[in-house]
């Protein structure tokens, strides 16, 4: 809803980014861990190419560099990485990104991409 110049309210179309919303909610409740499920077991650099490289545990600083280097497409992994970095930048400790079917193993630390707040 927006307020018109005449003082009335009018509905407008909007999109809520589920990844950023999840990160904000996790931050607001003081969560240490944010889990984002997606269609792949691990985040990859050079996705879909012969140089594809799956990421296991990655520091927040390194993931920010990968993001800045353009490794993640806007319509795919970029919103998940941006939300992860926002969560970690506001006190979160760890983010796990993985496929729903891999979630139990990822929670045990056996798979998934784990982004940690430590530098390096």
PDB file of N, CA and C in Angstrom:
ATOM      1  N   UNK A   1       0.832  -1.171   0.000  1.00  0.00           N
ATOM      2  CA  UNK A   1       0.000   0.000   0.000  1.00  0.00           C
ATOM      3  C   UNK A   1       0.884   1.243   0.000  1.00  0.00           C
ATOM      4  N   UNK A   2       0.416   2.237  -0.717  1.00  0.00           N
ATOM      5  CA  UNK A   2       1.075   3.544  -0.710  1.00  0.00           C
ATOM      6  C   UNK A   2       0.004   4.611  -0.498  1.00  0.00           C
ATOM      7  N   UNK A   3       0.441   5.705   0.031  1.00  0.00           N
ATOM      8  CA  UNK A   3      -0.466   6.834   0.226  1.00  0.00           C
ATOM      9  C   UNK A   3      -0.386   7.728  -1.002  1.00  0.00           C
ATOM     10  N   UNK A   4      -1.529   8.054  -1.564  1.00  0.00           N
ATOM     11  CA  UNK A   4      -1.568   8.921  -2.740  1.00  0.00           C
ATOM     12  C   UNK A   4      -1.423  10.370  -2.308  1.00  0.00           C
ATOM     13  N   UNK A   5      -1.223  11.253  -3.269  1.00  0.00           N
ATOM     14  CA  UNK A   5      -1.103  12.680  -2.951  1.00  0.00           C
ATOM     15  C   UNK A   5      -2.396  13.223  -2.349  1.00  0.00           C
ATOM     16  N   UNK A   6      -3.517  12.568  -2.646  1.00  0.00           N
ATOM     17  CA  UNK A   6      -4.793  12.994  -2.077  1.00  0.00           C
ATOM     18  C   UNK A   6      -5.048  12.445  -0.673  1.00  0.00           C
ATOM     19  N   UNK A   7      -4.127  11.659  -0.149  1.00  0.00           N
ATOM     20  CA  UNK A   7      -4.264  11.136   1.206  1.00  0.00           C
ATOM     21  C   UNK A   7      -4.916   9.765   1.284  1.00  0.00           C
ATOM     22  N   UNK A   8      -5.341   9.224   0.167  1.00  0.00           N
ATOM     23  CA  UNK A   8      -5.934   7.888   0.153  1.00  0.00           C
ATOM     24  C   UNK A   8      -4.832   6.837   0.070  1.00  0.00           C
ATOM     25  N   UNK A   9      -5.242   5.589   0.246  1.00  0.00           N
ATOM     26  CA  UNK A   9      -4.303   4.477   0.099  1.00  0.00           C
ATOM     27  C   UNK A   9      -4.627   3.704  -1.167  1.00  0.00           C
ATOM     28  N   UNK A  10      -3.584   3.249  -1.814  1.00  0.00           N
ATOM     29  CA  UNK A  10      -3.737   2.513  -3.055  1.00  0.00           C
ATOM     30  C   UNK A  10      -2.792   1.312  -3.013  1.00  0.00           C
ATOM     31  N   UNK A  11      -3.259   0.164  -3.483  1.00  0.00           N
ATOM     32  CA  UNK A  11      -2.395  -1.010  -3.520  1.00  0.00           C
ATOM     33  C   UNK A  11      -1.429  -0.913  -4.702  1.00  0.00           C
ATOM     34  N   UNK A  12      -0.259  -1.487  -4.529  1.00  0.00           N
ATOM     35  CA  UNK A  12       0.739  -1.543  -5.590  1.00  0.00           C
ATOM     36  C   UNK A  12       1.309  -2.961  -5.612  1.00  0.00           C
ATOM     37  N   UNK A  13       1.766  -3.383  -6.785  1.00  0.00           N
ATOM     38  CA  UNK A  13       2.421  -4.681  -6.888  1.00  0.00           C
ATOM     39  C   UNK A  13       3.761  -4.614  -6.183  1.00  0.00           C
ATOM     40  N   UNK A  14       4.153  -5.714  -5.604  1.00  0.00           N
ATOM     41  CA  UNK A  14       5.442  -5.779  -4.936  1.00  0.00           C
ATOM     42  C   UNK A  14       5.960  -7.206  -4.919  1.00  0.00           C
ATOM     43  N   UNK A  15       7.243  -7.328  -4.750  1.00  0.00           N
ATOM     44  CA  UNK A  15       7.889  -8.627  -4.662  1.00  0.00           C
ATOM     45  C   UNK A  15       8.673  -8.666  -3.358  1.00  0.00           C
ATOM     46  N   UNK A  16       8.494  -9.736  -2.628  1.00  0.00           N
ATOM     47  CA  UNK A  16       9.239  -9.928  -1.387  1.00  0.00           C
ATOM     48  C   UNK A  16      10.327 -10.950  -1.676  1.00  0.00           C
ATOM     49  N   UNK A  17      11.564 -10.578  -1.484  1.00  0.00           N
ATOM     50  CA  UNK A  17      12.671 -11.496  -1.692  1.00  0.00           C
ATOM     51  C   UNK A  17      12.727 -12.464  -0.518  1.00  0.00           C
ATOM     52  N   UNK A  18      12.479 -13.737  -0.781  1.00  0.00           N
ATOM     53  CA  UNK A  18      12.406 -14.733   0.289  1.00  0.00           C
ATOM     54  C   UNK A  18      13.732 -14.914   1.015  1.00  0.00           C
ATOM     55  N   UNK A  19      14.848 -14.776   0.311  1.00  0.00           N
ATOM     56  CA  UNK A  19      16.146 -14.955   0.947  1.00  0.00           C
ATOM     57  C   UNK A  19      16.464 -13.805   1.896  1.00  0.00           C
ATOM     58  N   UNK A  20      16.271 -12.571   1.438  1.00  0.00           N
ATOM     59  CA  UNK A  20      16.518 -11.417   2.309  1.00  0.00           C
ATOM     60  C   UNK A  20      15.539 -11.365   3.469  1.00  0.00           C
ATOM     61  N   UNK A  21      14.288 -11.764   3.213  1.00  0.00           N
ATOM     62  CA  UNK A  21      13.293 -11.795   4.287  1.00  0.00           C
ATOM     63  C   UNK A  21      13.681 -12.812   5.345  1.00  0.00           C
ATOM     64  N   UNK A  22      14.130 -13.979   4.910  1.00  0.00           N
ATOM     65  CA  UNK A  22      14.577 -15.015   5.853  1.00  0.00           C
ATOM     66  C   UNK A  22      15.767 -14.536   6.668  1.00  0.00           C
ATOM     67  N   UNK A  23      16.706 -13.866   6.004  1.00  0.00           N
ATOM     68  CA  UNK A  23      17.880 -13.347   6.711  1.00  0.00           C
ATOM     69  C   UNK A  23      17.483 -12.293   7.740  1.00  0.00           C
ATOM     70  N   UNK A  24      16.552 -11.433   7.369  1.00  0.00           N
ATOM     71  CA  UNK A  24      16.085 -10.403   8.300  1.00  0.00           C
ATOM     72  C   UNK A  24      15.372 -11.034   9.494  1.00  0.00           C
ATOM     73  N   UNK A  25      14.511 -11.994   9.240  1.00  0.00           N
ATOM     74  CA  UNK A  25      13.813 -12.675  10.333  1.00  0.00           C
ATOM     75  C   UNK A  25      14.801 -13.379  11.258  1.00  0.00           C
ATOM     76  N   UNK A  26      15.769 -14.082  10.685  1.00  0.00           N
ATOM     77  CA  UNK A  26      16.774 -14.770  11.498  1.00  0.00           C
ATOM     78  C   UNK A  26      17.553 -13.774  12.353  1.00  0.00           C
ATOM     79  N   UNK A  27      17.883 -12.647  11.777  1.00  0.00           N
ATOM     80  CA  UNK A  27      18.598 -11.608  12.524  1.00  0.00           C
ATOM     81  C   UNK A  27      17.734 -11.061  13.661  1.00  0.00           C
ATOM     82  N   UNK A  28      16.467 -10.793  13.360  1.00  0.00           N
ATOM     83  CA  UNK A  28      15.571 -10.211  14.360  1.00  0.00           C
ATOM     84  C   UNK A  28      15.313 -11.133  15.548  1.00  0.00           C
ATOM     85  N   UNK A  29      15.338 -12.444  15.319  1.00  0.00           N
ATOM     86  CA  UNK A  29      15.111 -13.375  16.433  1.00  0.00           C
ATOM     87  C   UNK A  29      16.418 -13.779  17.114  1.00  0.00           C
ATOM     88  N   UNK A  30      17.542 -13.250  16.619  1.00  0.00           N
ATOM     89  CA  UNK A  30      18.836 -13.525  17.236  1.00  0.00           C
ATOM     90  C   UNK A  30      19.394 -14.897  16.917  1.00  0.00           C
ATOM     91  N   UNK A  31      19.048 -15.441  15.765  1.00  0.00           N
ATOM     92  CA  UNK A  31      19.547 -16.762  15.381  1.00  0.00           C
ATOM     93  C   UNK A  31      21.042 -16.701  15.079  1.00  0.00           C
ATOM     94  N   UNK A  32      21.735 -17.767  15.401  1.00  0.00           N
ATOM     95  CA  UNK A  32      23.144 -17.897  15.050  1.00  0.00           C
ATOM     96  C   UNK A  32      23.316 -18.527  13.671  1.00  0.00           C
ATOM     97  N   UNK A  33      22.332 -19.343  13.255  1.00  0.00           N
ATOM     98  CA  UNK A  33      22.401 -20.111  12.021  1.00  0.00           C
ATOM     99  C   UNK A  33      21.230 -19.772  11.118  1.00  0.00           C
ATOM    100  N   UNK A  34      21.524 -19.550   9.844  1.00  0.00           N
ATOM    101  CA  UNK A  34      20.509 -19.373   8.812  1.00  0.00           C
ATOM    102  C   UNK A  34      20.694 -20.503   7.810  1.00  0.00           C
ATOM    103  N   UNK A  35      19.611 -21.193   7.483  1.00  0.00           N
ATOM    104  CA  UNK A  35      19.646 -22.251   6.480  1.00  0.00           C
ATOM    105  C   UNK A  35      18.819 -21.804   5.283  1.00  0.00           C
ATOM    106  N   UNK A  36      19.421 -21.871   4.106  1.00  0.00           N
ATOM    107  CA  UNK A  36      18.736 -21.548   2.858  1.00  0.00           C
ATOM    108  C   UNK A  36      18.767 -22.796   1.995  1.00  0.00           C
ATOM    109  N   UNK A  37      17.585 -23.299   1.653  1.00  0.00           N
ATOM    110  CA  UNK A  37      17.549 -24.466   0.774  1.00  0.00           C
ATOM    111  C   UNK A  37      17.329 -24.011  -0.662  1.00  0.00           C
ATOM    112  N   UNK A  38      17.920 -24.774  -1.555  1.00  0.00           N
ATOM    113  CA  UNK A  38      17.889 -24.438  -2.977  1.00  0.00           C
ATOM    114  C   UNK A  38      17.997 -25.719  -3.793  1.00  0.00           C
ATOM    115  N   UNK A  39      18.148 -25.608  -5.080  1.00  0.00           N
ATOM    116  CA  UNK A  39      18.138 -26.763  -5.961  1.00  0.00           C
ATOM    117  C   UNK A  39      19.446 -27.509  -6.094  1.00  0.00           C
ATOM    118  N   UNK A  40      20.481 -27.085  -5.395  1.00  0.00           N
ATOM    119  CA  UNK A  40      21.779 -27.755  -5.492  1.00  0.00           C
ATOM    120  C   UNK A  40      22.312 -28.070  -4.100  1.00  0.00           C
ATOM    121  N   UNK A  41      23.148 -29.103  -4.035  1.00  0.00           N
ATOM    122  CA  UNK A  41      23.713 -29.530  -2.754  1.00  0.00           C
ATOM    123  C   UNK A  41      24.714 -28.521  -2.206  1.00  0.00           C
ATOM    124  N   UNK A  42      25.478 -27.903  -3.118  1.00  0.00           N
ATOM    125  CA  UNK A  42      26.487 -26.920  -2.718  1.00  0.00           C
ATOM    126  C   UNK A  42      26.501 -25.765  -3.712  1.00  0.00           C
ATOM    127  N   UNK A  43      26.872 -24.601  -3.237  1.00  0.00           N
ATOM    128  CA  UNK A  43      27.108 -23.439  -4.093  1.00  0.00           C
ATOM    129  C   UNK A  43      28.362 -23.738  -4.912  1.00  0.00           C
ATOM    130  N   UNK A  44      28.341 -23.365  -6.170  1.00  0.00           N
ATOM    131  CA  UNK A  44      29.486 -23.633  -7.047  1.00  0.00           C
ATOM    132  C   UNK A  44      29.991 -22.363  -7.710  1.00  0.00           C
ATOM    133  N   UNK A  45      31.290 -22.311  -7.866  1.00  0.00           N
ATOM    134  CA  UNK A  45      31.908 -21.310  -8.735  1.00  0.00           C
ATOM    135  C   UNK A  45      31.906 -21.889 -10.138  1.00  0.00           C
ATOM    136  N   UNK A  46      31.795 -21.052 -11.138  1.00  0.00           N
ATOM    137  CA  UNK A  46      31.811 -21.480 -12.542  1.00  0.00           C
ATOM    138  C   UNK A  46      30.734 -22.539 -12.811  1.00  0.00           C
ATOM    139  N   UNK A  47      29.561 -22.330 -12.221  1.00  0.00           N
ATOM    140  CA  UNK A  47      28.479 -23.317 -12.308  1.00  0.00           C
ATOM    141  C   UNK A  47      28.165 -23.686 -13.756  1.00  0.00           C
ATOM    142  N   UNK A  48      28.046 -24.984 -13.998  1.00  0.00           N
ATOM    143  CA  UNK A  48      27.659 -25.482 -15.313  1.00  0.00           C
ATOM    144  C   UNK A  48      28.761 -25.472 -16.355  1.00  0.00           C
ATOM    145  N   UNK A  49      29.999 -25.249 -15.925  1.00  0.00           N
ATOM    146  CA  UNK A  49      31.130 -25.258 -16.852  1.00  0.00           C
ATOM    147  C   UNK A  49      32.086 -26.381 -16.456  1.00  0.00           C
ATOM    148  N   UNK A  50      33.033 -26.707 -17.312  1.00  0.00           N
ATOM    149  CA  UNK A  50      34.025 -27.727 -16.934  1.00  0.00           C
ATOM    150  C   UNK A  50      34.873 -27.323 -15.722  1.00  0.00           C
ATOM    151  N   UNK A  51      34.925 -26.025 -15.435  1.00  0.00           N
ATOM    152  CA  UNK A  51      35.703 -25.536 -14.287  1.00  0.00           C
ATOM    153  C   UNK A  51      34.875 -25.477 -12.989  1.00  0.00           C
ATOM    154  N   UNK A  52      33.674 -26.013 -13.005  1.00  0.00           N
ATOM    155  CA  UNK A  52      32.790 -25.933 -11.833  1.00  0.00           C
ATOM    156  C   UNK A  52      33.513 -26.420 -10.583  1.00  0.00           C
ATOM    157  N   UNK A  53      33.361 -25.647  -9.504  1.00  0.00           N
ATOM    158  CA  UNK A  53      34.009 -25.959  -8.230  1.00  0.00           C
ATOM    159  C   UNK A  53      32.996 -25.790  -7.109  1.00  0.00           C
ATOM    160  N   UNK A  54      32.661 -26.877  -6.439  1.00  0.00           N
ATOM    161  CA  UNK A  54      31.726 -26.832  -5.316  1.00  0.00           C
ATOM    162  C   UNK A  54      32.421 -26.248  -4.098  1.00  0.00           C
ATOM    163  N   UNK A  55      31.684 -25.443  -3.342  1.00  0.00           N
ATOM    164  CA  UNK A  55      32.235 -24.793  -2.154  1.00  0.00           C
ATOM    165  C   UNK A  55      31.709 -25.475  -0.898  1.00  0.00           C
ATOM    166  N   UNK A  56      32.609 -25.847  -0.014  1.00  0.00           N
ATOM    167  CA  UNK A  56      32.245 -26.432   1.277  1.00  0.00           C
ATOM    168  C   UNK A  56      32.152 -25.325   2.315  1.00  0.00           C
ATOM    169  N   UNK A  57      33.150 -25.229   3.193  1.00  0.00           N
ATOM    170  CA  UNK A  57      33.178 -24.145   4.183  1.00  0.00           C
ATOM    171  C   UNK A  57      33.941 -22.967   3.602  1.00  0.00           C
ATOM    172  N   UNK A  58      33.324 -21.798   3.666  1.00  0.00           N
ATOM    173  CA  UNK A  58      33.887 -20.580   3.080  1.00  0.00           C
ATOM    174  C   UNK A  58      33.694 -19.439   4.076  1.00  0.00           C
ATOM    175  N   UNK A  59      34.713 -18.620   4.227  1.00  0.00           N
ATOM    176  CA  UNK A  59      34.573 -17.459   5.099  1.00  0.00           C
ATOM    177  C   UNK A  59      33.665 -16.417   4.451  1.00  0.00           C
ATOM    178  N   UNK A  60      33.097 -15.598   5.287  1.00  0.00           N
ATOM    179  CA  UNK A  60      32.263 -14.496   4.810  1.00  0.00           C
ATOM    180  C   UNK A  60      33.056 -13.592   3.860  1.00  0.00           C
ATOM    181  N   UNK A  61      34.297 -13.296   4.214  1.00  0.00           N
ATOM    182  CA  UNK A  61      35.130 -12.415   3.391  1.00  0.00           C
ATOM    183  C   UNK A  61      35.386 -13.023   2.017  1.00  0.00           C
ATOM    184  N   UNK A  62      35.680 -14.307   1.984  1.00  0.00           N
ATOM    185  CA  UNK A  62      35.948 -14.962   0.699  1.00  0.00           C
ATOM    186  C   UNK A  62      34.682 -14.999  -0.157  1.00  0.00           C
ATOM    187  N   UNK A  63      33.524 -15.284   0.472  1.00  0.00           N
ATOM    188  CA  UNK A  63      32.276 -15.333  -0.284  1.00  0.00           C
ATOM    189  C   UNK A  63      31.914 -13.952  -0.812  1.00  0.00           C
ATOM    190  N   UNK A  64      32.188 -12.921  -0.034  1.00  0.00           N
ATOM    191  CA  UNK A  64      31.947 -11.552  -0.496  1.00  0.00           C
ATOM    192  C   UNK A  64      32.810 -11.247  -1.715  1.00  0.00           C
ATOM    193  N   UNK A  65      34.033 -11.742  -1.721  1.00  0.00           N
ATOM    194  CA  UNK A  65      34.909 -11.534  -2.873  1.00  0.00           C
ATOM    195  C   UNK A  65      34.381 -12.269  -4.101  1.00  0.00           C
ATOM    196  N   UNK A  66      33.920 -13.506  -3.913  1.00  0.00           N
ATOM    197  CA  UNK A  66      33.326 -14.252  -5.031  1.00  0.00           C
ATOM    198  C   UNK A  66      32.109 -13.510  -5.591  1.00  0.00           C
ATOM    199  N   UNK A  67      31.311 -12.954  -4.695  1.00  0.00           N
ATOM    200  CA  UNK A  67      30.137 -12.188  -5.126  1.00  0.00           C
ATOM    201  C   UNK A  67      30.575 -10.967  -5.927  1.00  0.00           C
ATOM    202  N   UNK A  68      31.544 -10.227  -5.401  1.00  0.00           N
ATOM    203  CA  UNK A  68      32.060  -9.043  -6.097  1.00  0.00           C
ATOM    204  C   UNK A  68      32.681  -9.396  -7.448  1.00  0.00           C
ATOM    205  N   UNK A  69      33.249 -10.581  -7.539  1.00  0.00           N
ATOM    206  CA  UNK A  69      33.876 -11.033  -8.785  1.00  0.00           C
ATOM    207  C   UNK A  69      32.847 -11.490  -9.824  1.00  0.00           C
ATOM    208  N   UNK A  70      31.572 -11.509  -9.451  1.00  0.00           N
ATOM    209  CA  UNK A  70      30.518 -11.841 -10.393  1.00  0.00           C
ATOM    210  C   UNK A  70      30.256 -13.328 -10.596  1.00  0.00           C
ATOM    211  N   UNK A  71      30.604 -14.144  -9.630  1.00  0.00           N
ATOM    212  CA  UNK A  71      30.431 -15.592  -9.767  1.00  0.00           C
ATOM    213  C   UNK A  71      28.978 -16.062  -9.688  1.00  0.00           C
ATOM    214  N   UNK A  72      28.084 -15.239  -9.152  1.00  0.00           N
ATOM    215  CA  UNK A  72      26.730 -15.709  -8.891  1.00  0.00           C
ATOM    216  C   UNK A  72      25.702 -14.900  -9.676  1.00  0.00           C
ATOM    217  N   UNK A  73      24.915 -15.570 -10.529  1.00  0.00           N
ATOM    218  CA  UNK A  73      23.919 -14.878 -11.354  1.00  0.00           C
ATOM    219  C   UNK A  73      22.788 -14.265 -10.519  1.00  0.00           C
ATOM    220  N   UNK A  74      22.292 -13.137 -10.985  1.00  0.00           N
ATOM    221  CA  UNK A  74      21.231 -12.415 -10.265  1.00  0.00           C
ATOM    222  C   UNK A  74      19.967 -13.243 -10.109  1.00  0.00           C
ATOM    223  N   UNK A  75      19.605 -14.027 -11.101  1.00  0.00           N
ATOM    224  CA  UNK A  75      18.375 -14.800 -11.026  1.00  0.00           C
ATOM    225  C   UNK A  75      18.535 -16.152 -10.385  1.00  0.00           C
ATOM    226  N   UNK A  76      19.673 -16.402  -9.775  1.00  0.00           N
ATOM    227  CA  UNK A  76      19.938 -17.730  -9.234  1.00  0.00           C
ATOM    228  C   UNK A  76      20.540 -17.642  -7.837  1.00  0.00           C
ATOM    229  N   UNK A  77      21.854 -17.701  -7.743  1.00  0.00           N
ATOM    230  CA  UNK A  77      22.514 -17.796  -6.443  1.00  0.00           C
ATOM    231  C   UNK A  77      22.816 -16.434  -5.808  1.00  0.00           C
ATOM    232  N   UNK A  78      22.871 -15.378  -6.598  1.00  0.00           N
ATOM    233  CA  UNK A  78      23.244 -14.065  -6.060  1.00  0.00           C
ATOM    234  C   UNK A  78      22.365 -13.621  -4.889  1.00  0.00           C
ATOM    235  N   UNK A  79      21.027 -13.729  -4.959  1.00  0.00           N
ATOM    236  CA  UNK A  79      20.218 -13.290  -3.815  1.00  0.00           C
ATOM    237  C   UNK A  79      20.483 -14.111  -2.548  1.00  0.00           C
ATOM    238  N   UNK A  80      20.786 -15.385  -2.719  1.00  0.00           N
ATOM    239  CA  UNK A  80      21.066 -16.238  -1.566  1.00  0.00           C
ATOM    240  C   UNK A  80      22.383 -15.831  -0.905  1.00  0.00           C
ATOM    241  N   UNK A  81      23.378 -15.545  -1.726  1.00  0.00           N
ATOM    242  CA  UNK A  81      24.671 -15.124  -1.186  1.00  0.00           C
ATOM    243  C   UNK A  81      24.558 -13.745  -0.537  1.00  0.00           C
ATOM    244  N   UNK A  82      23.863 -12.826  -1.184  1.00  0.00           N
ATOM    245  CA  UNK A  82      23.680 -11.481  -0.610  1.00  0.00           C
ATOM    246  C   UNK A  82      22.948 -11.552   0.721  1.00  0.00           C
ATOM    247  N   UNK A  83      21.910 -12.368   0.799  1.00  0.00           N
ATOM    248  CA  UNK A  83      21.168 -12.525   2.058  1.00  0.00           C
ATOM    249  C   UNK A  83      22.052 -13.157   3.134  1.00  0.00           C
ATOM    250  N   UNK A  84      22.852 -14.129   2.743  1.00  0.00           N
ATOM    251  CA  UNK A  84      23.770 -14.779   3.685  1.00  0.00           C
ATOM    252  C   UNK A  84      24.756 -13.773   4.265  1.00  0.00           C
ATOM    253  N   UNK A  85      25.323 -12.962   3.408  1.00  0.00           N
ATOM    254  CA  UNK A  85      26.298 -11.973   3.864  1.00  0.00           C
ATOM    255  C   UNK A  85      25.644 -10.908   4.740  1.00  0.00           C
ATOM    256  N   UNK A  86      24.411 -10.535   4.416  1.00  0.00           N
ATOM    257  CA  UNK A  86      23.687  -9.567   5.256  1.00  0.00           C
ATOM    258  C   UNK A  86      23.450 -10.143   6.648  1.00  0.00           C
ATOM    259  N   UNK A  87      23.034 -11.400   6.705  1.00  0.00           N
ATOM    260  CA  UNK A  87      22.808 -12.067   7.991  1.00  0.00           C
ATOM    261  C   UNK A  87      24.098 -12.121   8.809  1.00  0.00           C
ATOM    262  N   UNK A  88      25.170 -12.560   8.191  1.00  0.00           N
ATOM    263  CA  UNK A  88      26.448 -12.654   8.894  1.00  0.00           C
ATOM    264  C   UNK A  88      26.975 -11.281   9.288  1.00  0.00           C
ATOM    265  N   UNK A  89      26.744 -10.297   8.456  1.00  0.00           N
ATOM    266  CA  UNK A  89      27.199  -8.948   8.752  1.00  0.00           C
ATOM    267  C   UNK A  89      26.464  -8.292   9.906  1.00  0.00           C
ATOM    268  N   UNK A  90      25.350  -8.879  10.315  1.00  0.00           N
ATOM    269  CA  UNK A  90      24.580  -8.345  11.436  1.00  0.00           C
ATOM    270  C   UNK A  90      24.579  -9.298  12.626  1.00  0.00           C
ATOM    271  N   UNK A  91      25.648 -10.074  12.770  1.00  0.00           N
ATOM    272  CA  UNK A  91      25.817 -10.876  13.979  1.00  0.00           C
ATOM    273  C   UNK A  91      25.574 -12.365  13.840  1.00  0.00           C
ATOM    274  N   UNK A  92      25.093 -12.824  12.689  1.00  0.00           N
ATOM    275  CA  UNK A  92      24.932 -14.267  12.507  1.00  0.00           C
ATOM    276  C   UNK A  92      26.289 -14.957  12.520  1.00  0.00           C
ATOM    277  N   UNK A  93      26.292 -16.239  12.843  1.00  0.00           N
ATOM    278  CA  UNK A  93      27.549 -16.984  12.945  1.00  0.00           C
ATOM    279  C   UNK A  93      27.818 -17.873  11.736  1.00  0.00           C
ATOM    280  N   UNK A  94      26.740 -18.442  11.153  1.00  0.00           N
ATOM    281  CA  UNK A  94      26.926 -19.416  10.078  1.00  0.00           C
ATOM    282  C   UNK A  94      25.686 -19.459   9.201  1.00  0.00           C
ATOM    283  N   UNK A  95      25.910 -19.686   7.913  1.00  0.00           N
ATOM    284  CA  UNK A  95      24.832 -19.913   6.959  1.00  0.00           C
ATOM    285  C   UNK A  95      25.116 -21.243   6.266  1.00  0.00           C
ATOM    286  N   UNK A  96      24.085 -22.046   6.112  1.00  0.00           N
ATOM    287  CA  UNK A  96      24.192 -23.270   5.326  1.00  0.00           C
ATOM    288  C   UNK A  96      23.289 -23.112   4.111  1.00  0.00           C
ATOM    289  N   UNK A  97      23.848 -23.365   2.930  1.00  0.00           N
ATOM    290  CA  UNK A  97      23.073 -23.371   1.691  1.00  0.00           C
ATOM    291  C   UNK A  97      23.186 -24.777   1.113  1.00  0.00           C
ATOM    292  N   UNK A  98      22.028 -25.414   0.901  1.00  0.00           N
ATOM    293  CA  UNK A  98      22.024 -26.774   0.383  1.00  0.00           C
ATOM    294  C   UNK A  98      20.651 -27.131  -0.163  1.00  0.00           C
ATOM    295  N   UNK A  99      20.569 -28.288  -0.784  1.00  0.00           N
ATOM    296  CA  UNK A  99      19.295 -28.806  -1.281  1.00  0.00           C
ATOM    297  C   UNK A  99      18.484 -29.370  -0.118  1.00  0.00           C
ATOM    298  N   UNK A 100      17.153 -29.317  -0.194  1.00  0.00           N
ATOM    299  CA  UNK A 100      16.333 -29.872   0.889  1.00  0.00           C
ATOM    300  C   UNK A 100      16.680 -31.323   1.212  1.00  0.00           C
ATOM    301  N   UNK A 101      16.935 -32.128   0.204  1.00  0.00           N
ATOM    302  CA  UNK A 101      17.249 -33.535   0.441  1.00  0.00           C
ATOM    303  C   UNK A 101      18.593 -33.730   1.147  1.00  0.00           C
ATOM    304  N   UNK A 102      19.458 -32.739   1.089  1.00  0.00           N
ATOM    305  CA  UNK A 102      20.780 -32.815   1.720  1.00  0.00           C
ATOM    306  C   UNK A 102      20.824 -32.140   3.080  1.00  0.00           C
ATOM    307  N   UNK A 103      19.718 -31.572   3.511  1.00  0.00           N
ATOM    308  CA  UNK A 103      19.719 -30.774   4.738  1.00  0.00           C
ATOM    309  C   UNK A 103      20.165 -31.551   5.977  1.00  0.00           C
ATOM    310  N   UNK A 104      19.659 -32.761   6.240  1.00  0.00           N
ATOM    311  CA  UNK A 104      20.147 -33.459   7.443  1.00  0.00           C
ATOM    312  C   UNK A 104      21.661 -33.645   7.446  1.00  0.00           C
ATOM    313  N   UNK A 105      22.229 -34.058   6.320  1.00  0.00           N
ATOM    314  CA  UNK A 105      23.682 -34.228   6.226  1.00  0.00           C
ATOM    315  C   UNK A 105      24.402 -32.886   6.357  1.00  0.00           C
ATOM    316  N   UNK A 106      23.828 -31.825   5.812  1.00  0.00           N
ATOM    317  CA  UNK A 106      24.450 -30.500   5.911  1.00  0.00           C
ATOM    318  C   UNK A 106      24.469 -30.012   7.354  1.00  0.00           C
ATOM    319  N   UNK A 107      23.397 -30.251   8.084  1.00  0.00           N
ATOM    320  CA  UNK A 107      23.353 -29.867   9.506  1.00  0.00           C
ATOM    321  C   UNK A 107      24.442 -30.607  10.285  1.00  0.00           C
ATOM    322  N   UNK A 108      24.717 -31.848   9.894  1.00  0.00           N
ATOM    323  CA  UNK A 108      25.784 -32.632  10.537  1.00  0.00           C
ATOM    324  C   UNK A 108      27.174 -32.206  10.056  1.00  0.00           C
ATOM    325  N   UNK A 109      27.237 -31.296   9.078  1.00  0.00           N
ATOM    326  CA  UNK A 109      28.516 -30.822   8.559  1.00  0.00           C
ATOM    327  C   UNK A 109      29.104 -31.701   7.479  1.00  0.00           C
ATOM    328  N   UNK A 110      28.306 -32.602   6.933  1.00  0.00           N
ATOM    329  CA  UNK A 110      28.806 -33.559   5.942  1.00  0.00           C
ATOM    330  C   UNK A 110      28.708 -33.048   4.506  1.00  0.00           C
ATOM    331  N   UNK A 111      27.905 -32.048   4.250  1.00  0.00           N
ATOM    332  CA  UNK A 111      27.740 -31.514   2.898  1.00  0.00           C
ATOM    333  C   UNK A 111      27.203 -30.097   2.990  1.00  0.00           C
ATOM    334  N   UNK A 112      26.843 -29.549   1.876  1.00  0.00           N
ATOM    335  CA  UNK A 112      26.331 -28.178   1.841  1.00  0.00           C
ATOM    336  C   UNK A 112      27.458 -27.170   1.818  1.00  0.00           C
ATOM    337  N   UNK A 113      27.100 -25.943   1.516  1.00  0.00           N
ATOM    338  CA  UNK A 113      28.044 -24.834   1.608  1.00  0.00           C
ATOM    339  C   UNK A 113      27.793 -24.136   2.930  1.00  0.00           C
ATOM    340  N   UNK A 114      28.849 -23.998   3.713  1.00  0.00           N
ATOM    341  CA  UNK A 114      28.777 -23.363   5.037  1.00  0.00           C
ATOM    342  C   UNK A 114      29.577 -22.069   4.961  1.00  0.00           C
ATOM    343  N   UNK A 115      28.870 -20.958   5.120  1.00  0.00           N
ATOM    344  CA  UNK A 115      29.532 -19.657   5.122  1.00  0.00           C
ATOM    345  C   UNK A 115      29.656 -19.240   6.577  1.00  0.00           C
ATOM    346  N   UNK A 116      30.868 -18.953   6.994  1.00  0.00           N
ATOM    347  CA  UNK A 116      31.109 -18.623   8.400  1.00  0.00           C
ATOM    348  C   UNK A 116      31.541 -17.174   8.541  1.00  0.00           C
ATOM    349  N   UNK A 117      31.253 -16.612   9.692  1.00  0.00           N
ATOM    350  CA  UNK A 117      31.507 -15.196   9.925  1.00  0.00           C
ATOM    351  C   UNK A 117      32.993 -14.859  10.096  1.00  0.00           C
ATOM    352  N   UNK A 118      33.843 -15.843  10.254  1.00  0.00           N
ATOM    353  CA  UNK A 118      35.274 -15.590  10.429  1.00  0.00           C
ATOM    354  C   UNK A 118      35.859 -14.990   9.164  1.00  0.00           C
ATOM    355  N   UNK A 119      36.916 -14.217   9.325  1.00  0.00           N
ATOM    356  CA  UNK A 119      37.580 -13.620   8.158  1.00  0.00           C
ATOM    357  C   UNK A 119      38.569 -14.600   7.560  1.00  0.00           C
ATOM    358  N   UNK A 120      38.973 -14.275   6.296  1.00  0.00           N
ATOM    359  CA  UNK A 120      40.022 -15.076   5.673  1.00  0.00           C
ATOM    360  C   UNK A 120      39.629 -15.678   4.380  1.00  0.00           C
TER     361      UNK A 120
END
